[in-house]
Protein backbone atom coordinates (compact mmCIF):
# COMPACT_ATOMS: atom_id res chain seq x y z
CA MET A 1 -188.50 18.98 12.76
CA GLY A 2 -188.95 18.62 9.01
CA ARG A 3 -192.07 19.05 6.93
CA HIS A 4 -192.69 15.29 6.81
CA VAL A 5 -190.01 13.54 8.86
CA ALA A 6 -188.93 13.80 12.48
CA GLY A 7 -185.64 15.69 12.38
CA ASP A 8 -183.89 17.75 9.74
CA VAL A 9 -183.52 15.51 6.68
CA PRO A 10 -184.33 17.71 3.66
CA ALA A 11 -183.68 14.93 1.14
CA LEU A 12 -186.47 12.78 2.61
CA ASP A 13 -188.87 15.72 2.84
CA ARG A 14 -188.21 16.29 -0.86
CA ILE A 15 -188.83 12.61 -1.67
CA VAL A 16 -192.23 12.75 0.06
CA ASP A 17 -193.07 16.09 -1.62
CA ASP A 18 -192.20 14.72 -5.04
CA ALA A 19 -194.11 11.49 -4.45
CA CYS A 20 -197.20 13.40 -3.30
CA ALA A 21 -197.06 15.65 -6.37
CA CYS A 22 -196.85 12.66 -8.72
CA ILE A 23 -199.54 10.72 -6.87
CA GLY A 24 -201.79 13.77 -6.96
CA ARG A 25 -201.40 14.14 -10.73
CA GLU A 26 -202.04 10.43 -11.28
CA ILE A 27 -205.20 10.50 -9.17
CA ASP A 28 -206.48 13.67 -10.81
CA ALA A 29 -205.92 12.06 -14.22
CA LEU A 30 -208.11 9.11 -13.23
CA GLY A 31 -211.16 11.34 -12.84
CA VAL A 32 -212.59 9.09 -10.12
CA PRO A 33 -216.33 9.80 -9.59
CA SER A 34 -217.39 10.95 -6.07
CA LEU A 35 -213.77 11.59 -4.99
CA ALA A 36 -213.47 15.04 -3.41
CA GLY A 37 -209.81 15.02 -2.45
CA VAL A 38 -206.78 13.15 -1.11
CA VAL A 39 -204.46 14.11 1.75
CA LEU A 40 -201.38 12.52 3.28
CA GLY A 41 -202.02 11.78 6.95
CA GLY A 42 -200.16 9.63 9.45
CA GLY A 43 -196.68 10.45 10.69
CA TYR A 44 -195.44 11.88 7.39
CA GLY A 45 -198.53 14.08 7.12
CA ARG A 46 -197.89 15.75 10.50
CA GLY A 47 -194.06 15.89 10.50
CA GLU A 48 -193.47 12.80 12.64
CA GLY A 49 -192.42 10.33 9.95
CA GLY A 50 -189.64 7.88 10.74
CA VAL A 51 -186.13 8.07 9.30
CA LYS A 52 -183.95 5.03 8.78
CA ARG A 53 -180.46 6.42 9.25
CA ALA A 54 -177.80 5.13 6.87
CA CYS A 55 -175.49 8.10 6.26
CA ARG A 56 -171.83 7.51 6.98
CA ARG A 57 -171.54 10.92 8.60
CA GLY A 58 -174.65 10.36 10.68
CA ASP A 59 -175.96 13.84 9.87
CA CYS A 60 -177.16 14.65 6.37
CA ALA A 61 -178.87 17.96 7.15
CA GLY A 62 -176.11 19.94 5.51
CA GLN A 63 -175.55 17.50 2.64
CA PRO A 64 -178.98 16.53 1.32
CA ALA A 65 -177.57 15.53 -2.06
CA ASN A 66 -175.48 12.84 -0.37
CA CYS A 67 -178.23 11.61 1.94
CA GLU A 68 -178.46 7.83 2.23
CA CYS A 69 -181.32 7.81 4.73
CA SER A 70 -184.66 6.29 3.79
CA LEU A 71 -188.31 6.35 4.78
CA SER A 72 -189.05 3.83 7.50
CA ASN A 73 -192.82 3.55 7.88
CA ASP A 74 -196.01 3.55 5.81
CA LEU A 75 -197.37 6.53 3.92
CA ASP A 76 -201.01 6.81 4.98
CA PHE A 77 -203.19 8.63 2.47
CA PHE A 78 -206.85 9.46 3.04
CA ALA A 79 -209.21 9.67 0.07
CA ILE A 80 -212.33 11.63 1.01
CA THR A 81 -215.57 11.19 -0.92
CA GLU A 82 -217.89 14.00 -1.92
CA GLU A 83 -220.53 15.03 0.61
CA GLY A 84 -223.59 12.80 0.38
CA ALA A 85 -221.94 10.08 -1.70
CA PRO A 86 -223.29 6.60 -0.83
CA GLU A 87 -220.76 5.11 1.58
CA ALA A 88 -220.47 1.46 0.58
CA LYS A 89 -220.63 2.01 -3.18
CA SER A 90 -218.32 5.04 -3.27
CA VAL A 91 -215.72 3.59 -0.89
CA ALA A 92 -215.48 0.38 -2.91
CA ALA A 93 -215.29 2.15 -6.27
CA ILE A 94 -212.66 4.67 -5.16
CA GLY A 95 -210.58 2.00 -3.46
CA GLU A 96 -210.58 -0.08 -6.64
CA ALA A 97 -209.72 2.90 -8.85
CA ILE A 98 -206.72 4.11 -6.85
CA GLY A 99 -205.46 0.65 -5.89
CA PRO A 100 -202.94 0.53 -8.78
CA VAL A 101 -201.52 3.89 -7.69
CA ALA A 102 -200.89 2.53 -4.20
CA LYS A 103 -199.26 -0.59 -5.60
CA LYS A 104 -197.00 1.38 -7.94
CA TRP A 105 -195.76 3.78 -5.28
CA THR A 106 -195.27 1.05 -2.70
CA LYS A 107 -192.76 -0.45 -5.11
CA GLU A 108 -191.28 2.94 -5.98
CA LEU A 109 -190.73 4.15 -2.40
CA GLY A 110 -189.90 0.86 -0.70
CA VAL A 111 -192.54 1.36 2.02
CA ASP A 112 -196.25 0.55 2.05
CA VAL A 113 -198.42 3.24 0.47
CA ASP A 114 -201.96 2.91 1.82
CA PHE A 115 -205.18 4.70 0.89
CA ALA A 116 -208.04 4.76 3.40
CA VAL A 117 -211.29 5.89 1.78
CA LYS A 118 -213.59 7.89 4.08
CA THR A 119 -216.86 9.72 3.64
CA PRO A 120 -217.38 13.12 5.33
CA TRP A 121 -220.20 11.52 7.32
CA ARG A 122 -217.86 8.80 8.59
CA LEU A 123 -215.22 11.33 9.63
CA ARG A 124 -217.79 13.38 11.53
CA HIS A 125 -219.25 10.24 13.10
CA ASP A 126 -215.76 9.21 14.27
CA GLU A 127 -214.55 12.71 15.12
CA GLU A 128 -213.61 11.76 18.70
CA ARG A 129 -211.29 9.00 17.53
CA ILE A 130 -207.57 9.64 17.78
CA MET A 131 -207.07 8.78 14.12
CA VAL A 132 -209.46 11.51 12.96
CA GLN A 133 -208.22 14.11 15.45
CA GLU A 134 -204.60 13.53 14.43
CA LEU A 135 -205.59 13.76 10.79
CA VAL A 136 -207.32 17.14 11.05
CA ARG A 137 -204.37 18.50 13.05
CA GLY A 138 -201.70 17.42 10.61
CA TYR A 139 -202.05 16.57 6.93
CA PHE A 140 -200.59 17.41 3.53
CA ASP A 141 -202.80 18.18 0.54
CA VAL A 142 -202.28 15.81 -2.39
CA ALA A 143 -205.22 15.98 -4.82
CA GLY A 144 -208.63 17.58 -5.28
CA THR A 145 -210.22 19.85 -2.70
CA ALA A 146 -207.92 21.26 -0.02
CA GLY A 147 -208.00 19.55 3.36
CA VAL A 148 -209.28 22.70 5.04
CA GLN A 149 -212.50 22.23 3.07
CA LEU A 150 -212.63 18.45 3.44
CA PHE A 151 -212.48 18.68 7.24
CA ALA A 152 -214.58 21.81 7.69
CA GLY A 153 -217.32 20.07 9.65
CA ILE A 154 -215.10 18.23 12.13
CA ARG A 155 -214.83 19.52 15.68
CA LYS A 156 -211.37 19.51 17.25
CA VAL A 157 -211.46 17.60 20.53
CA ASP A 158 -209.10 18.46 23.36
CA ALA A 159 -206.57 15.68 23.92
CA ALA A 160 -207.65 15.33 27.55
CA ASP A 161 -211.22 14.62 26.40
CA ILE A 162 -210.48 11.64 24.15
CA PRO A 163 -213.05 9.00 25.20
CA TRP A 164 -212.16 5.87 27.14
CA MET A 165 -213.12 3.66 24.22
CA GLU A 166 -210.06 4.91 22.32
CA ALA A 167 -207.85 3.41 25.03
CA ALA A 168 -209.63 0.09 24.54
CA ARG A 169 -209.24 0.38 20.76
CA LEU A 170 -205.50 1.05 21.11
CA LEU A 171 -205.07 -2.02 23.30
CA MET A 172 -207.18 -4.15 20.95
CA ASN A 173 -205.12 -3.25 17.88
CA ARG A 174 -201.69 -3.31 19.52
CA GLY A 175 -202.58 -6.54 21.28
CA MET A 176 -203.36 -8.10 17.90
CA GLY A 177 -200.03 -6.83 16.59
CA LEU A 178 -198.29 -8.38 19.58
CA LEU A 179 -199.96 -11.72 18.84
CA PHE A 180 -198.87 -11.50 15.19
CA ALA A 181 -195.27 -10.98 16.39
CA MET A 182 -195.35 -13.80 18.93
CA PRO A 183 -192.33 -16.13 18.74
CA GLY A 184 -193.18 -19.03 16.46
CA PRO A 185 -191.83 -21.32 13.76
CA ALA A 186 -188.70 -19.93 12.11
CA ALA A 187 -190.08 -21.05 8.74
CA ASP A 188 -192.83 -18.41 8.85
CA THR A 189 -191.39 -16.00 6.26
CA ARG A 190 -194.10 -13.38 6.90
CA ARG A 191 -192.67 -12.69 10.35
CA THR A 192 -189.45 -10.92 9.39
CA PRO A 193 -187.27 -9.35 12.11
CA ASP A 194 -188.45 -5.92 10.97
CA PHE A 195 -192.12 -6.99 11.24
CA ILE A 196 -191.55 -8.39 14.74
CA ASN A 197 -189.60 -5.35 15.93
CA ARG A 198 -192.22 -2.92 14.64
CA ASN A 199 -195.09 -4.73 16.30
CA ILE A 200 -193.25 -4.97 19.60
CA ASN A 201 -192.48 -1.25 19.43
CA LYS A 202 -196.06 -0.38 18.46
CA CYS A 203 -197.27 -2.45 21.40
CA ILE A 204 -195.19 -0.40 23.85
CA LEU A 205 -196.43 2.84 22.29
CA GLY A 206 -200.05 1.69 22.23
CA ALA A 207 -199.95 0.54 25.84
CA GLY A 208 -198.54 3.88 26.97
CA ASP A 209 -200.99 5.87 24.84
CA ALA A 210 -203.89 3.86 26.28
CA ARG A 211 -202.74 4.67 29.81
CA LEU A 212 -202.64 8.37 28.97
CA VAL A 213 -206.12 8.31 27.43
CA ALA A 214 -207.47 6.55 30.52
CA ARG A 215 -205.81 9.20 32.72
CA HIS A 216 -207.13 12.08 30.56
CA ALA A 217 -203.50 13.06 29.98
CA TYR A 218 -203.08 12.30 26.27
CA ALA A 219 -201.11 14.76 24.10
CA TRP A 220 -200.98 15.21 20.33
CA ARG A 221 -197.16 15.12 19.93
CA ALA A 222 -195.25 11.93 20.71
CA GLU A 223 -192.53 13.77 22.67
CA ASP A 224 -195.19 15.39 24.85
CA ARG A 225 -196.78 12.00 25.52
CA ALA A 226 -193.41 10.60 26.56
CA GLY A 227 -192.96 13.48 28.99
CA ALA A 228 -196.47 13.06 30.40
CA LEU A 229 -196.09 9.30 30.91
CA GLY A 230 -192.57 9.43 32.36
CA ASP A 231 -191.81 5.84 31.37
CA SER A 232 -188.32 5.02 30.06
CA LEU A 233 -189.49 2.10 27.92
CA TYR A 234 -192.14 4.27 26.26
CA ALA A 235 -189.56 7.02 25.67
CA ALA A 236 -187.26 4.48 24.01
CA ALA A 237 -190.15 3.34 21.81
CA VAL A 238 -190.77 6.94 20.70
CA GLU A 239 -187.11 7.28 19.76
CA TRP A 240 -187.30 3.97 17.85
CA LYS A 241 -190.43 5.17 16.04
CA PHE A 242 -188.59 8.23 14.73
CA ARG A 243 -185.25 6.51 14.10
CA PRO A 244 -185.79 2.74 13.95
CA GLY A 245 -182.85 0.42 14.48
CA ASP A 246 -182.18 -3.25 13.86
CA ASP A 247 -183.51 -4.42 17.23
CA ALA A 248 -186.76 -3.84 19.09
CA VAL A 249 -186.76 -1.70 22.24
CA CYS A 250 -187.48 -4.78 24.36
CA SER A 251 -188.29 -8.47 24.18
CA TRP A 252 -191.70 -9.85 23.20
CA ASP A 253 -192.24 -10.96 26.79
CA ALA A 254 -191.46 -7.49 28.16
CA ALA A 255 -193.91 -5.96 25.66
CA ARG A 256 -196.52 -8.51 26.72
CA GLU A 257 -196.12 -7.49 30.37
CA ALA A 258 -196.37 -3.80 29.49
CA TRP A 259 -199.55 -4.48 27.49
CA LEU A 260 -201.13 -6.51 30.31
CA ASP A 261 -200.26 -3.83 32.88
CA ALA A 262 -201.87 -1.20 30.67
CA LEU A 263 -204.93 -3.42 30.23
CA ASP A 264 -205.37 -3.67 34.01
CA GLU A 265 -205.23 0.11 34.36
CA VAL A 266 -207.50 0.83 31.42
CA LYS A 267 -210.12 -1.75 32.39
CA CYS A 268 -210.53 -0.01 35.74
CA GLY A 269 -212.10 2.91 33.90
CA SER A 270 -214.59 0.83 31.95
CA ALA A 271 -218.26 1.30 32.71
CA ASN A 272 -219.01 -2.08 31.07
CA ALA A 273 -222.06 -0.38 29.57
CA ARG A 274 -224.37 -2.81 27.80
CA SER A 275 -227.14 -1.91 25.39
CA PRO A 276 -229.54 -3.68 23.03
CA ARG A 277 -228.12 -1.50 20.23
CA GLN A 278 -224.63 -2.94 20.63
CA ALA A 279 -226.04 -6.47 20.82
CA VAL A 280 -227.93 -5.92 17.56
CA ARG A 281 -224.88 -4.30 15.98
CA TRP A 282 -222.82 -7.40 16.72
CA LEU A 283 -225.57 -9.76 15.55
CA VAL A 284 -226.07 -7.94 12.23
CA ARG A 285 -222.39 -7.69 11.34
CA ARG A 286 -221.17 -11.02 12.76
CA ARG A 287 -224.38 -13.02 12.20
CA THR A 288 -223.87 -14.65 15.57
CA VAL A 289 -224.68 -13.79 19.20
CA GLY A 290 -221.17 -14.55 20.41
CA GLU A 291 -220.27 -15.13 24.05
CA LEU A 292 -223.20 -14.43 26.34
CA ARG A 293 -220.98 -12.98 29.10
CA THR A 294 -220.00 -10.08 26.81
CA LEU A 295 -223.38 -9.69 25.08
CA GLY A 296 -224.40 -6.05 24.72
CA LEU A 297 -220.91 -4.58 25.20
CA ASP A 298 -219.34 -2.42 22.51
CA PRO A 299 -217.66 -4.71 19.93
CA VAL A 300 -214.25 -3.20 20.73
CA GLU A 301 -214.61 -4.32 24.36
CA ARG A 302 -215.78 -7.77 23.30
CA ILE A 303 -212.81 -8.22 20.96
CA LEU A 304 -210.36 -6.78 23.50
CA ASP A 305 -211.58 -9.36 26.02
CA ASN A 306 -210.75 -12.14 23.54
CA VAL A 307 -207.38 -10.57 22.62
CA ALA A 308 -206.50 -10.47 26.33
CA ARG A 309 -207.22 -14.20 26.69
CA HIS A 310 -204.92 -14.96 23.76
CA VAL A 311 -202.15 -12.71 25.10
CA ARG A 312 -202.34 -14.18 28.61
CA ASN A 313 -202.29 -17.74 27.24
CA ARG A 314 -199.66 -16.94 24.55
CA ARG A 315 -202.02 -18.20 21.85
CA ALA A 316 -201.91 -17.10 18.24
CA PRO A 317 -205.14 -15.50 16.94
CA ASP A 318 -207.68 -18.11 15.90
CA ALA A 319 -210.13 -17.75 13.00
CA VAL A 320 -212.92 -16.35 15.21
CA LEU A 321 -210.74 -13.60 16.67
CA MET A 322 -209.34 -12.70 13.27
CA ARG A 323 -212.81 -12.40 11.79
CA ASP A 324 -214.11 -10.28 14.69
CA TRP A 325 -211.12 -7.93 14.48
CA GLU A 326 -211.28 -7.56 10.69
CA ILE A 327 -214.97 -6.63 10.79
CA PHE A 328 -214.91 -4.15 13.67
CA ASN A 329 -211.43 -2.65 13.39
């Protein structure tokens, strides 16, 4: 395994290293107020980044200078604010300041370069989420304060103790991706074959990950999750994630069935806990009560219920679902 990519592809590790060094210098030069530091997270931050193979010899480990492989998925950077910085104001200001850097390097690298701005309070508040736990277990320092200082107050949660709500969140997000990739008019230029294939593959991975969370059998490395789940379709999706090809691992319909099967298993573990706090939370942020039958449930459960209806009925997301998902995702 390489420093950034899955497998031994030194040329791509060097590309990510060089990009991070340049991005770090550009961000430091901006002197953004309230910004404590930036790290590379995601697959490339923990050595699980995808590699699009293009070398004629099929193996460029010994010939990095001749490597024709390329990065295949997004570079996910996390910009962390200083302790105590006001969340809304700081997040907006930092996002606006580093936006041009993201745009420039998206064009330069040929993959999306994204910056998520987080406060230390938000990271601690969300410390049981898979996203945060993966981040603190695998990142690459880019600018400002070292990650070991940025994440000092975050408790590492055992993979088996990831809460049930993370399974629901996985299904919510991957179900939305599945709906975005649903077969539709050929004239829709946003739905490229690559976009469709990636969302189908992510759906298979998300469905399997949700099952593992619900079974208290999640693992931090993708290969370990594949072994724990013992599902051939999931294993193929892991391989596709690391070395994507021109076709998805299965059809949209097969991904839909896998997602619905996972939903049935995951929903069995739901306590359907309702509380006035969650009802108020929905009312304040959505300015509407919403469906009475789901009133008081966590917003993720409410949105997942709506996603499930759309998936079962093969309906594209409507304006209400899109708005709910954008606010609470």
